[in-house]
C-alpha atoms as a PDB file:
ATOM      1  CA  MET A   1       0.103  -0.094   0.140  1.00  0.00           C
ATOM      2  CA  PRO A   2       1.402   3.492  -0.784  1.00  0.00           C
ATOM      3  CA  SER A   3       2.483   5.577   1.589  1.00  0.00           C
ATOM      4  CA  PRO A   4       0.836   8.704   2.777  1.00  0.00           C
ATOM      5  CA  LEU A   5       3.593  10.544   1.467  1.00  0.00           C
ATOM      6  CA  CYS A   6       3.768   8.794  -2.002  1.00  0.00           C
ATOM      7  CA  LYS A   7      -0.094   9.495  -2.203  1.00  0.00           C
ATOM      8  CA  ASN A   8       0.676  13.732  -1.728  1.00  0.00           C
ATOM      9  CA  LEU A   9       3.396  13.351  -3.742  1.00  0.00           C
ATOM     10  CA  ARG A  10       1.394  12.015  -6.848  1.00  0.00           C
ATOM     11  CA  PRO A  11      -1.149  14.594  -7.592  1.00  0.00           C
ATOM     12  CA  CYS A  12       1.135  17.602  -7.182  1.00  0.00           C
ATOM     13  CA  ALA A  13       5.039  17.102  -7.317  1.00  0.00           C
ATOM     14  CA  VAL A  14       4.857  14.133  -9.858  1.00  0.00           C
ATOM     15  CA  LEU A  15       2.349  16.111 -11.909  1.00  0.00           C
ATOM     16  CA  ALA A  16       4.555  19.145 -12.585  1.00  0.00           C
ATOM     17  CA  ALA A  17       7.893  16.926 -13.329  1.00  0.00           C
ATOM     18  CA  VAL A  18       5.481  15.139 -16.279  1.00  0.00           C
ATOM     19  CA  VAL A  19       4.984  18.621 -17.036  1.00  0.00           C
ATOM     20  CA  LEU A  20       8.495  20.140 -17.049  1.00  0.00           C
ATOM     21  CA  ILE A  21       9.743  17.162 -18.835  1.00  0.00           C
ATOM     22  CA  GLY A  22       7.024  17.346 -21.386  1.00  0.00           C
ATOM     23  CA  LEU A  23       7.893  20.849 -22.100  1.00  0.00           C
ATOM     24  CA  ALA A  24      11.055  19.546 -23.331  1.00  0.00           C
ATOM     25  CA  ALA A  25       9.834  17.341 -25.567  1.00  0.00           C
ATOM     26  CA  SER A  26       6.922  19.363 -27.311  1.00  0.00           C
ATOM     27  CA  PRO A  27       6.813  20.803 -31.034  1.00  0.00           C
ATOM     28  CA  PRO A  28       8.630  24.267 -31.041  1.00  0.00           C
ATOM     29  CA  VAL A  29       5.976  27.197 -31.768  1.00  0.00           C
ATOM     30  CA  ARG A  30       7.119  30.602 -32.656  1.00  0.00           C
ATOM     31  CA  ALA A  31       8.566  32.463 -29.680  1.00  0.00           C
ATOM     32  CA  GLN A  32       7.624  36.105 -27.819  1.00  0.00           C
ATOM     33  CA  GLY A  33      10.635  37.638 -28.980  1.00  0.00           C
ATOM     34  CA  THR A  34      13.337  37.338 -31.887  1.00  0.00           C
ATOM     35  CA  GLY A  35      16.308  35.665 -31.498  1.00  0.00           C
ATOM     36  CA  ARG A  36      17.713  34.293 -28.379  1.00  0.00           C
ATOM     37  CA  PRO A  37      15.936  34.534 -24.784  1.00  0.00           C
ATOM     38  CA  THR A  38      16.790  37.656 -22.625  1.00  0.00           C
ATOM     39  CA  VAL A  39      15.994  37.770 -18.868  1.00  0.00           C
ATOM     40  CA  GLY A  40      13.052  40.275 -19.983  1.00  0.00           C
ATOM     41  CA  ASP A  41      11.372  37.142 -21.545  1.00  0.00           C
ATOM     42  CA  SER A  42      10.720  36.039 -17.906  1.00  0.00           C
ATOM     43  CA  ARG A  43       7.528  37.483 -16.822  1.00  0.00           C
ATOM     44  CA  ASP A  44       6.631  35.625 -13.835  1.00  0.00           C
ATOM     45  CA  GLY A  45       7.367  36.909 -10.525  1.00  0.00           C
ATOM     46  CA  TYR A  46       7.015  33.728  -8.201  1.00  0.00           C
ATOM     47  CA  ILE A  47       8.742  31.106 -10.433  1.00  0.00           C
ATOM     48  CA  ASP A  48      12.727  31.161 -10.367  1.00  0.00           C
ATOM     49  CA  ASP A  49      13.567  32.667 -13.971  1.00  0.00           C
ATOM     50  CA  ALA A  50      15.291  30.205 -16.259  1.00  0.00           C
ATOM     51  CA  ILE A  51      16.903  32.348 -18.601  1.00  0.00           C
ATOM     52  CA  PRO A  52      20.507  33.309 -17.209  1.00  0.00           C
ATOM     53  CA  GLY A  53      21.491  36.936 -17.467  1.00  0.00           C
ATOM     54  CA  ASP A  54      22.900  39.913 -16.297  1.00  0.00           C
ATOM     55  CA  GLN A  55      20.169  41.749 -13.699  1.00  0.00           C
ATOM     56  CA  PHE A  56      19.674  43.372 -10.564  1.00  0.00           C
ATOM     57  CA  ARG A  57      16.547  43.117  -8.547  1.00  0.00           C
ATOM     58  CA  LEU A  58      14.815  44.990  -5.680  1.00  0.00           C
ATOM     59  CA  ARG A  59      11.869  42.422  -3.692  1.00  0.00           C
ATOM     60  CA  PHE A  60       9.542  43.576  -0.947  1.00  0.00           C
ATOM     61  CA  ASP A  61       7.625  40.659   0.105  1.00  0.00           C
ATOM     62  CA  ALA A  62       4.713  40.704   3.138  1.00  0.00           C
ATOM     63  CA  SER A  63       3.859  38.087   4.590  1.00  0.00           C
ATOM     64  CA  TYR A  64       0.829  37.100   7.414  1.00  0.00           C
ATOM     65  CA  ASN A  65       0.025  34.475   9.592  1.00  0.00           C
ATOM     66  CA  ASN A  66       2.434  31.854   9.344  1.00  0.00           C
ATOM     67  CA  ASN A  67       1.084  29.512  11.835  1.00  0.00           C
ATOM     68  CA  ARG A  68       3.775  26.150  11.802  1.00  0.00           C
ATOM     69  CA  PRO A  69       7.161  28.898  11.872  1.00  0.00           C
ATOM     70  CA  ASN A  70       9.449  26.034  12.781  1.00  0.00           C
ATOM     71  CA  ARG A  71       8.004  23.676  10.337  1.00  0.00           C
ATOM     72  CA  ALA A  72      10.818  21.379   8.964  1.00  0.00           C
ATOM     73  CA  GLU A  73      12.988  24.700  10.087  1.00  0.00           C
ATOM     74  CA  PHE A  74      12.024  26.102   6.653  1.00  0.00           C
ATOM     75  CA  PHE A  75      11.463  29.489   8.380  1.00  0.00           C
ATOM     76  CA  TRP A  76      13.047  29.484  11.648  1.00  0.00           C
ATOM     77  CA  PRO A  77      14.333  26.340  14.012  1.00  0.00           C
ATOM     78  CA  GLN A  78      13.238  24.703  17.062  1.00  0.00           C
ATOM     79  CA  GLY A  79      13.270  27.017  19.880  1.00  0.00           C
ATOM     80  CA  GLY A  80      12.769  27.082  23.377  1.00  0.00           C
ATOM     81  CA  VAL A  81      15.397  25.342  25.648  1.00  0.00           C
ATOM     82  CA  SER A  82      15.686  22.447  22.964  1.00  0.00           C
ATOM     83  CA  GLY A  83      16.779  24.493  20.057  1.00  0.00           C
ATOM     84  CA  PRO A  84      18.567  27.435  18.651  1.00  0.00           C
ATOM     85  CA  GLY A  85      15.432  29.524  17.842  1.00  0.00           C
ATOM     86  CA  VAL A  86      13.122  32.210  19.772  1.00  0.00           C
ATOM     87  CA  PRO A  87      12.180  31.514  23.627  1.00  0.00           C
ATOM     88  CA  ARG A  88       8.430  30.894  23.100  1.00  0.00           C
ATOM     89  CA  PRO A  89       5.932  28.739  21.040  1.00  0.00           C
ATOM     90  CA  GLU A  90       4.488  31.164  18.448  1.00  0.00           C
ATOM     91  CA  ALA A  91       0.740  30.197  16.592  1.00  0.00           C
ATOM     92  CA  ARG A  92       1.460  33.353  14.397  1.00  0.00           C
ATOM     93  CA  VAL A  93       4.111  35.381  12.655  1.00  0.00           C
ATOM     94  CA  ASP A  94       3.945  37.849  10.478  1.00  0.00           C
ATOM     95  CA  TYR A  95       6.767  39.105   8.365  1.00  0.00           C
ATOM     96  CA  GLN A  96       8.562  41.407   5.501  1.00  0.00           C
ATOM     97  CA  ASP A  97      11.770  40.488   3.584  1.00  0.00           C
ATOM     98  CA  LEU A  98      13.337  43.189   1.634  1.00  0.00           C
ATOM     99  CA  SER A  99      16.430  41.502  -0.662  1.00  0.00           C
ATOM    100  CA  ALA A 100      18.256  42.534  -2.978  1.00  0.00           C
ATOM    101  CA  TYR A 101      19.850  40.358  -5.559  1.00  0.00           C
ATOM    102  CA  LEU A 102      22.620  40.309  -8.653  1.00  0.00           C
ATOM    103  CA  GLU A 103      23.142  37.830 -10.851  1.00  0.00           C
ATOM    104  CA  LEU A 104      25.657  38.292 -13.630  1.00  0.00           C
ATOM    105  CA  ALA A 105      26.402  35.511 -16.445  1.00  0.00           C
ATOM    106  CA  ALA A 106      29.748  34.288 -17.738  1.00  0.00           C
ATOM    107  CA  THR A 107      28.450  33.347 -20.846  1.00  0.00           C
ATOM    108  CA  ASP A 108      24.928  32.954 -22.280  1.00  0.00           C
ATOM    109  CA  ARG A 109      24.005  29.560 -20.814  1.00  0.00           C
ATOM    110  CA  LEU A 110      25.746  30.181 -17.483  1.00  0.00           C
ATOM    111  CA  SER A 111      25.172  32.800 -14.530  1.00  0.00           C
ATOM    112  CA  GLY A 112      25.920  33.070 -11.037  1.00  0.00           C
ATOM    113  CA  PHE A 113      24.102  34.878  -8.351  1.00  0.00           C
ATOM    114  CA  VAL A 114      23.940  36.519  -4.586  1.00  0.00           C
ATOM    115  CA  GLU A 115      21.073  37.664  -2.705  1.00  0.00           C
ATOM    116  CA  VAL A 116      20.477  39.417   0.738  1.00  0.00           C
ATOM    117  CA  PRO A 117      17.561  39.716   2.277  1.00  0.00           C
ATOM    118  CA  TRP A 118      16.654  42.115   5.580  1.00  0.00           C
ATOM    119  CA  ARG A 119      13.974  40.639   7.793  1.00  0.00           C
ATOM    120  CA  PHE A 120      11.509  42.195  10.020  1.00  0.00           C
ATOM    121  CA  VAL A 121       9.435  39.537  12.038  1.00  0.00           C
ATOM    122  CA  ASN A 122       6.379  40.462  13.942  1.00  0.00           C
ATOM    123  CA  PRO A 123       5.339  37.497  16.263  1.00  0.00           C
ATOM    124  CA  GLU A 124       2.634  37.643  18.479  1.00  0.00           C
ATOM    125  CA  VAL A 125       4.505  36.257  21.659  1.00  0.00           C
ATOM    126  CA  ASN A 126       8.126  36.866  20.995  1.00  0.00           C
ATOM    127  CA  ALA A 127       9.682  40.378  20.411  1.00  0.00           C
ATOM    128  CA  ASN A 128       9.849  41.733  17.208  1.00  0.00           C
ATOM    129  CA  ALA A 129      13.180  41.898  15.368  1.00  0.00           C
ATOM    130  CA  ASN A 130      14.838  42.898  12.301  1.00  0.00           C
ATOM    131  CA  GLY A 131      18.465  42.684  10.625  1.00  0.00           C
ATOM    132  CA  LEU A 132      20.043  40.573   7.840  1.00  0.00           C
ATOM    133  CA  ALA A 133      18.217  37.256   7.233  1.00  0.00           C
ATOM    134  CA  ASP A 134      19.703  34.101   5.713  1.00  0.00           C
ATOM    135  CA  MET A 135      21.887  35.248   2.418  1.00  0.00           C
ATOM    136  CA  ASN A 136      21.762  32.637  -0.908  1.00  0.00           C
ATOM    137  CA  ALA A 137      24.144  32.157  -3.538  1.00  0.00           C
ATOM    138  CA  GLY A 138      24.376  30.170  -6.556  1.00  0.00           C
ATOM    139  CA  ILE A 139      24.689  29.159 -10.116  1.00  0.00           C
ATOM    140  CA  LYS A 140      22.494  28.897 -13.231  1.00  0.00           C
ATOM    141  CA  TYR A 141      23.174  26.581 -16.569  1.00  0.00           C
ATOM    142  CA  ALA A 142      20.874  26.566 -19.582  1.00  0.00           C
ATOM    143  CA  PHE A 143      21.292  23.062 -20.777  1.00  0.00           C
ATOM    144  CA  ILE A 144      18.521  23.780 -23.461  1.00  0.00           C
ATOM    145  CA  ASP A 145      18.804  27.453 -24.733  1.00  0.00           C
ATOM    146  CA  ASP A 146      16.513  27.819 -27.531  1.00  0.00           C
ATOM    147  CA  PRO A 147      14.287  30.503 -28.765  1.00  0.00           C
ATOM    148  CA  ASP A 148      11.469  28.362 -28.164  1.00  0.00           C
ATOM    149  CA  LEU A 149      12.802  26.574 -24.621  1.00  0.00           C
ATOM    150  CA  VAL A 150      15.221  27.270 -21.991  1.00  0.00           C
ATOM    151  CA  ALA A 151      15.487  24.414 -19.553  1.00  0.00           C
ATOM    152  CA  THR A 152      17.946  25.100 -16.733  1.00  0.00           C
ATOM    153  CA  PHE A 153      19.780  23.446 -13.914  1.00  0.00           C
ATOM    154  CA  GLN A 154      19.790  26.199 -11.149  1.00  0.00           C
ATOM    155  CA  PHE A 155      21.845  24.951  -7.656  1.00  0.00           C
ATOM    156  CA  ARG A 156      21.416  27.210  -4.545  1.00  0.00           C
ATOM    157  CA  THR A 157      23.172  27.380  -1.181  1.00  0.00           C
ATOM    158  CA  TYR A 158      21.203  28.998   1.516  1.00  0.00           C
ATOM    159  CA  ILE A 159      23.657  30.504   4.194  1.00  0.00           C
ATOM    160  CA  PRO A 160      22.846  31.157   8.236  1.00  0.00           C
ATOM    161  CA  THR A 161      23.550  34.623   8.430  1.00  0.00           C
ATOM    162  CA  GLY A 162      20.478  35.388  10.192  1.00  0.00           C
ATOM    163  CA  ASP A 163      20.239  35.509  14.103  1.00  0.00           C
ATOM    164  CA  ALA A 164      18.368  32.584  14.698  1.00  0.00           C
ATOM    165  CA  ALA A 165      17.170  33.592  18.233  1.00  0.00           C
ATOM    166  CA  ARG A 166      15.682  36.541  17.104  1.00  0.00           C
ATOM    167  CA  GLY A 167      13.487  34.805  14.268  1.00  0.00           C
ATOM    168  CA  LEU A 168      15.449  35.959  11.600  1.00  0.00           C
ATOM    169  CA  GLY A 169      17.057  32.645  10.025  1.00  0.00           C
ATOM    170  CA  ASN A 170      17.041  28.794  10.364  1.00  0.00           C
ATOM    171  CA  ASN A 171      20.446  28.282  11.956  1.00  0.00           C
ATOM    172  CA  HIS A 172      21.759  25.821   9.641  1.00  0.00           C
ATOM    173  CA  VAL A 173      22.866  25.647   5.651  1.00  0.00           C
ATOM    174  CA  SER A 174      20.451  24.795   3.340  1.00  0.00           C
ATOM    175  CA  LEU A 175      21.134  23.228  -0.625  1.00  0.00           C
ATOM    176  CA  GLU A 176      18.346  23.694  -3.230  1.00  0.00           C
ATOM    177  CA  PRO A 177      19.220  21.682  -6.457  1.00  0.00           C
ATOM    178  CA  ALA A 178      16.326  22.689  -9.329  1.00  0.00           C
ATOM    179  CA  LEU A 179      14.768  22.519 -12.470  1.00  0.00           C
ATOM    180  CA  LEU A 180      13.587  25.471 -14.294  1.00  0.00           C
ATOM    181  CA  VAL A 181      11.722  25.687 -17.545  1.00  0.00           C
ATOM    182  CA  TRP A 182      10.888  28.808 -19.883  1.00  0.00           C
ATOM    183  CA  LYS A 183       8.560  28.107 -22.891  1.00  0.00           C
ATOM    184  CA  PRO A 184       6.640  30.552 -24.995  1.00  0.00           C
ATOM    185  CA  LEU A 185       3.239  29.419 -26.213  1.00  0.00           C
ATOM    186  CA  GLY A 186       2.488  31.924 -28.852  1.00  0.00           C
ATOM    187  CA  GLU A 187       2.957  35.375 -29.878  1.00  0.00           C
ATOM    188  CA  SER A 188       1.720  36.426 -26.086  1.00  0.00           C
ATOM    189  CA  TRP A 189       1.028  33.773 -24.118  1.00  0.00           C
ATOM    190  CA  GLY A 190       4.266  32.001 -22.102  1.00  0.00           C
ATOM    191  CA  LEU A 191       4.732  29.385 -19.501  1.00  0.00           C
ATOM    192  CA  GLU A 192       7.241  29.065 -16.759  1.00  0.00           C
ATOM    193  CA  GLY A 193       7.911  26.055 -14.368  1.00  0.00           C
ATOM    194  CA  GLU A 194      10.371  25.164 -11.703  1.00  0.00           C
ATOM    195  CA  LEU A 195      10.879  21.783  -9.591  1.00  0.00           C
ATOM    196  CA  ARG A 196      13.413  22.614  -6.652  1.00  0.00           C
ATOM    197  CA  TYR A 197      14.417  20.499  -3.854  1.00  0.00           C
ATOM    198  CA  TRP A 198      15.341  21.820  -0.468  1.00  0.00           C
ATOM    199  CA  ALA A 199      17.238  19.807   1.461  1.00  0.00           C
ATOM    200  CA  SER A 200      18.749  20.960   5.283  1.00  0.00           C
ATOM    201  CA  VAL A 201      22.350  20.428   6.142  1.00  0.00           C
ATOM    202  CA  GLY A 202      22.371  20.007  10.081  1.00  0.00           C
ATOM    203  CA  GLY A 203      20.045  21.660  11.736  1.00  0.00           C
ATOM    204  CA  THR A 204      17.852  19.971  14.923  1.00  0.00           C
ATOM    205  CA  ASP A 205      15.694  17.166  14.441  1.00  0.00           C
ATOM    206  CA  PHE A 206      13.196  19.125  13.279  1.00  0.00           C
ATOM    207  CA  ALA A 207      14.774  20.089  10.266  1.00  0.00           C
ATOM    208  CA  GLY A 208      14.006  18.513   7.042  1.00  0.00           C
ATOM    209  CA  ASP A 209      13.661  18.177   3.122  1.00  0.00           C
ATOM    210  CA  ILE A 210      11.380  20.383   0.905  1.00  0.00           C
ATOM    211  CA  LEU A 211       9.920  19.354  -2.459  1.00  0.00           C
ATOM    212  CA  ARG A 212       8.701  22.833  -4.240  1.00  0.00           C
ATOM    213  CA  TYR A 213       6.885  22.812  -7.501  1.00  0.00           C
ATOM    214  CA  GLY A 214       5.326  25.370  -9.408  1.00  0.00           C
ATOM    215  CA  LEU A 215       3.664  26.425 -12.886  1.00  0.00           C
ATOM    216  CA  GLY A 216       2.910  29.761 -14.225  1.00  0.00           C
ATOM    217  CA  VAL A 217       1.198  31.093 -17.255  1.00  0.00           C
ATOM    218  CA  HIS A 218       1.053  35.112 -18.758  1.00  0.00           C
ATOM    219  CA  TYR A 219      -0.535  37.030 -21.720  1.00  0.00           C
ATOM    220  CA  ASP A 220       1.629  40.057 -22.704  1.00  0.00           C
ATOM    221  CA  LEU A 221      -1.187  42.915 -23.688  1.00  0.00           C
ATOM    222  CA  PRO A 222      -0.519  45.511 -26.367  1.00  0.00           C
ATOM    223  CA  ARG A 223       1.983  47.617 -25.767  1.00  0.00           C
ATOM    224  CA  VAL A 224       0.896  51.541 -24.645  1.00  0.00           C
ATOM    225  CA  GLY A 225       2.887  54.580 -24.690  1.00  0.00           C
ATOM    226  CA  GLY A 226       5.832  52.655 -24.537  1.00  0.00           C
ATOM    227  CA  VAL A 227       4.877  49.956 -21.485  1.00  0.00           C
ATOM    228  CA  GLN A 228       3.712  46.348 -22.098  1.00  0.00           C
ATOM    229  CA  LEU A 229       1.384  44.781 -18.653  1.00  0.00           C
ATOM    230  CA  SER A 230       1.514  41.246 -18.884  1.00  0.00           C
ATOM    231  CA  PRO A 231      -0.886  39.732 -16.387  1.00  0.00           C
ATOM    232  CA  THR A 232       0.044  36.400 -14.652  1.00  0.00           C
ATOM    233  CA  ALA A 233      -1.023  33.302 -12.943  1.00  0.00           C
ATOM    234  CA  THR A 234       0.508  30.580 -11.005  1.00  0.00           C
ATOM    235  CA  VAL A 235       0.343  27.961  -8.744  1.00  0.00           C
ATOM    236  CA  VAL A 236       2.912  26.851  -6.267  1.00  0.00           C
ATOM    237  CA  GLY A 237       3.370  23.955  -3.863  1.00  0.00           C
ATOM    238  CA  TRP A 238       5.376  22.316  -1.231  1.00  0.00           C
ATOM    239  CA  THR A 239       5.480  18.915  -0.015  1.00  0.00           C
ATOM    240  CA  VAL A 240       7.397  18.259   3.325  1.00  0.00           C
ATOM    241  CA  LEU A 241       9.586  14.972   2.681  1.00  0.00           C
ATOM    242  CA  SER A 242      11.035  15.256   6.651  1.00  0.00           C
ATOM    243  CA  GLY A 243      10.935  16.755   9.974  1.00  0.00           C
ATOM    244  CA  LYS A 244       9.047  18.002  12.507  1.00  0.00           C
ATOM    245  CA  GLU A 245       6.549  21.275  13.865  1.00  0.00           C
ATOM    246  CA  SER A 246       5.721  22.304  16.726  1.00  0.00           C
ATOM    247  CA  VAL A 247       2.051  23.058  17.636  1.00  0.00           C
ATOM    248  CA  LEU A 248       0.752  25.848  19.820  1.00  0.00           C
ATOM    249  CA  ARG A 249      -3.233  24.646  20.578  1.00  0.00           C
ATOM    250  CA  PRO A 250      -5.707  26.681  22.062  1.00  0.00           C
ATOM    251  CA  SER A 251      -5.427  25.512  25.997  1.00  0.00           C
ATOM    252  CA  GLY A 252      -1.701  26.647  25.388  1.00  0.00           C
ATOM    253  CA  LEU A 253      -0.384  23.070  25.367  1.00  0.00           C
ATOM    254  CA  VAL A 254       2.486  22.570  22.910  1.00  0.00           C
ATOM    255  CA  THR A 255       3.004  19.264  20.747  1.00  0.00           C
ATOM    256  CA  VAL A 256       5.246  17.858  18.272  1.00  0.00           C
ATOM    257  CA  ASP A 257       3.889  16.638  15.259  1.00  0.00           C
ATOM    258  CA  ASP A 258       5.802  15.261  11.937  1.00  0.00           C
ATOM    259  CA  ALA A 259       5.722  17.395   9.425  1.00  0.00           C
ATOM    260  CA  ALA A 260       6.366  14.900   6.613  1.00  0.00           C
ATOM    261  CA  GLY A 261       3.834  14.532   3.970  1.00  0.00           C
ATOM    262  CA  GLU A 262       2.179  17.677   4.306  1.00  0.00           C
ATOM    263  CA  THR A 263       1.638  19.581   1.058  1.00  0.00           C
ATOM    264  CA  ILE A 264       0.980  23.236   0.650  1.00  0.00           C
ATOM    265  CA  VAL A 265      -0.656  24.929  -2.450  1.00  0.00           C
ATOM    266  CA  ASN A 266      -0.996  28.227  -3.355  1.00  0.00           C
ATOM    267  CA  LEU A 267      -2.461  30.742  -5.651  1.00  0.00           C
ATOM    268  CA  LYS A 268      -0.136  33.262  -7.047  1.00  0.00           C
ATOM    269  CA  LEU A 269      -1.880  36.451  -9.410  1.00  0.00           C
ATOM    270  CA  GLY A 270       0.152  39.444 -10.272  1.00  0.00           C
ATOM    271  CA  VAL A 271       1.028  41.790 -13.219  1.00  0.00           C
ATOM    272  CA  ARG A 272       4.299  42.997 -14.845  1.00  0.00           C
ATOM    273  CA  ALA A 273       4.815  46.317 -16.370  1.00  0.00           C
ATOM    274  CA  ARG A 274       8.087  46.213 -18.545  1.00  0.00           C
ATOM    275  CA  SER A 275       9.501  49.824 -20.193  1.00  0.00           C
ATOM    276  CA  GLU A 276      12.370  49.773 -22.197  1.00  0.00           C
ATOM    277  CA  ASN A 277      14.443  52.054 -20.652  1.00  0.00           C
ATOM    278  CA  LEU A 278      13.152  51.729 -16.882  1.00  0.00           C
ATOM    279  CA  GLY A 279      13.163  48.086 -15.929  1.00  0.00           C
ATOM    280  CA  ASP A 280      10.355  46.426 -14.982  1.00  0.00           C
ATOM    281  CA  LEU A 281       8.193  46.114 -12.018  1.00  0.00           C
ATOM    282  CA  PHE A 282       6.275  43.395 -10.931  1.00  0.00           C
ATOM    283  CA  VAL A 283       3.125  43.518  -8.393  1.00  0.00           C
ATOM    284  CA  GLY A 284       1.136  40.206  -7.459  1.00  0.00           C
ATOM    285  CA  TYR A 285      -0.873  39.038  -4.490  1.00  0.00           C
ATOM    286  CA  GLY A 286      -0.935  34.988  -2.848  1.00  0.00           C
ATOM    287  CA  ARG A 287      -3.008  33.058  -0.862  1.00  0.00           C
ATOM    288  CA  HIS A 288      -2.978  29.103   0.418  1.00  0.00           C
ATOM    289  CA  LEU A 289      -5.536  26.957  -0.954  1.00  0.00           C
ATOM    290  CA  THR A 290      -4.592  23.897   1.290  1.00  0.00           C
ATOM    291  CA  GLY A 291      -5.150  24.045   5.164  1.00  0.00           C
ATOM    292  CA  ASP A 292      -1.481  23.426   5.669  1.00  0.00           C
ATOM    293  CA  ARG A 293       0.417  26.821   4.600  1.00  0.00           C
ATOM    294  CA  TRP A 294       3.439  28.781   5.260  1.00  0.00           C
ATOM    295  CA  TYR A 295       1.413  31.784   5.319  1.00  0.00           C
ATOM    296  CA  ALA A 296      -2.466  32.984   4.648  1.00  0.00           C
ATOM    297  CA  ASP A 297      -1.740  35.761   2.552  1.00  0.00           C
ATOM    298  CA  THR A 298       1.519  37.599   0.815  1.00  0.00           C
ATOM    299  CA  LEU A 299       2.025  40.523  -1.577  1.00  0.00           C
ATOM    300  CA  ARG A 300       4.888  41.045  -3.642  1.00  0.00           C
ATOM    301  CA  VAL A 301       6.519  43.930  -4.846  1.00  0.00           C
ATOM    302  CA  GLU A 302       9.812  43.940  -7.213  1.00  0.00           C
ATOM    303  CA  TRP A 303      11.571  45.939  -9.526  1.00  0.00           C
ATOM    304  CA  ARG A 304      13.789  44.477 -11.983  1.00  0.00           C
ATOM    305  CA  LEU A 305      16.531  45.589 -14.533  1.00  0.00           C
ATOM    306  CA  ALA A 306      18.205  43.752 -17.180  1.00  0.00           C
ATOM    307  CA  PHE A 307      21.666  44.657 -18.491  1.00  0.00           C
END
């Protein structure tokens, strides 16, 4: 009999993997631009860009009502007397991240990147805090780089630069290999996808591994006054493969649960406004579709400049 984990993975992660692989085998369609795709051809604000290139990005995220902040030590680690995290258990955490991202290309197919975030956390029980969060850096290699398809291997390393005792980091290294895809679906439509495996290195016995998968579509509206608007719709999911979480019950009792097999799915809607001279601006909103969640609502605003 299949395990509960396999049962959760079949309709979500396996479907995403099949779709991504199918994109690589699908017949070509007419690309949205001419020649090789560039960073600006990526429209989605919630899927990692598959197209390597030179870019700088400023991003602001505001997320609300994280009810399991130490789940698999993805957001922050086990706390209290048993771990390096915040002193007291939490049932709700709001937080905001302001991050700067720089990516530089060595070739058309290969690039490296670094991202530095500053985090503001607003727990209900523990003290508010702000400061440097966990940095990350990595590489991208496009093993398929065609006008009608870009498929990229990405490898990202998360570095525990945030103060875990204040809720600003998770106190361990994490490694994340990923498969990213970009594909035009015609003159105006496009699709982007990702399959990412987040693996914790070290941490407490709460730490675990997480599979993330997502698909997004966009539609390019006609340009008006030199600006092009591209509405986007994205579904992103996470399946926790291992790890634990603490749960603060209404009675005040704290229990420790197995987090393995929990699946979180979010719907994210947005729009990207692109200008040839001023870069592009993305505004998006996301909400959880499942009972398990990282947050109930999230807002994203980012400005990106390709050069």
